[in-house]
Amino acid sequence: MVVSTTSLWDEFPDDSLREYDDAVVYGDRDGDVVLHEGPARVLPNGWVELPSGRLVSPDAAHHIDPKPGE
């Protein structure tokens, strides 16, 4: 078995990642449930990576609104 020493994420082009310096991640359509406010990065697989390293499932995050200036 061969195990790679490089990350699979290094193989994706930079344009497949979405990074927000300041955004709000919502857990519902109406915007009542705020999961995160601040920097966030959407990975190619749909998961949302927070600055703490925590990942938010695509099933949990309904939508992301960039704050004005994004």
Protein backbone atom coordinates (compact mmCIF):
# COMPACT_ATOMS: atom_id res chain seq x y z
CA MET A 1 0.00 0.00 0.00
CA VAL A 2 1.29 3.46 -0.91
CA VAL A 3 0.50 6.39 1.37
CA SER A 4 0.93 9.93 0.12
CA THR A 5 2.74 12.48 2.28
CA THR A 6 0.98 15.42 0.62
CA SER A 7 -2.52 16.65 1.27
CA LEU A 8 -5.25 15.99 -1.26
CA TRP A 9 -6.36 19.62 -0.83
CA ASP A 10 -3.07 20.74 -2.42
CA GLU A 11 -4.31 19.19 -5.67
CA PHE A 12 -7.34 21.49 -5.96
CA PRO A 13 -6.93 24.82 -7.75
CA ASP A 14 -7.27 27.93 -5.59
CA ASP A 15 -10.46 28.98 -7.37
CA SER A 16 -12.32 25.96 -5.94
CA LEU A 17 -11.97 27.47 -2.45
CA ARG A 18 -14.10 30.40 -1.26
CA GLU A 19 -12.61 32.50 1.51
CA TYR A 20 -14.43 35.22 3.43
CA ASP A 21 -12.67 37.70 5.71
CA ASP A 22 -15.94 38.56 7.41
CA ALA A 23 -19.14 36.56 6.91
CA VAL A 24 -22.11 35.06 8.71
CA VAL A 25 -22.79 31.31 8.44
CA TYR A 26 -26.48 30.51 8.93
CA GLY A 27 -28.04 27.19 9.87
CA ASP A 28 -31.52 28.00 8.56
CA ARG A 29 -33.19 29.75 5.65
CA ASP A 30 -34.66 32.60 7.70
CA GLY A 31 -31.34 33.59 9.27
CA ASP A 32 -32.50 32.93 12.83
CA VAL A 33 -29.76 30.39 13.57
CA VAL A 34 -26.26 31.90 13.34
CA LEU A 35 -23.55 29.23 13.40
CA HIS A 36 -20.55 31.54 13.02
CA GLU A 37 -19.61 35.18 12.45
CA GLY A 38 -16.18 36.14 11.16
CA PRO A 39 -13.64 34.61 8.77
CA ALA A 40 -14.66 31.38 7.03
CA ARG A 41 -13.46 29.22 4.18
CA VAL A 42 -15.65 26.96 2.04
CA LEU A 43 -13.77 23.84 0.95
CA PRO A 44 -14.35 22.14 -2.43
CA ASN A 45 -16.39 19.41 -0.72
CA GLY A 46 -18.82 21.98 0.73
CA TRP A 47 -17.61 21.88 4.32
CA VAL A 48 -17.02 25.25 5.99
CA GLU A 49 -13.69 25.64 7.80
CA LEU A 50 -13.55 28.09 10.71
CA PRO A 51 -10.38 29.83 11.99
CA SER A 52 -10.34 27.48 15.01
CA GLY A 53 -9.95 24.53 12.63
CA ARG A 54 -13.47 23.32 13.35
CA LEU A 55 -15.44 22.15 10.32
CA VAL A 56 -19.15 22.82 9.75
CA SER A 57 -21.00 20.20 7.72
CA PRO A 58 -22.72 21.21 4.48
CA ASP A 59 -25.87 19.71 6.03
CA ALA A 60 -25.62 22.13 8.98
CA ALA A 61 -24.79 25.32 7.06
CA HIS A 62 -27.77 26.59 5.06
CA HIS A 63 -26.04 29.63 3.55
CA ILE A 64 -23.24 32.17 4.02
CA ASP A 65 -23.71 35.91 3.71
CA PRO A 66 -20.55 37.95 3.21
CA LYS A 67 -20.65 41.14 5.23
CA PRO A 68 -20.51 44.43 3.27
CA GLY A 69 -17.11 45.08 1.77
CA GLU A 70 -16.52 41.48 0.70
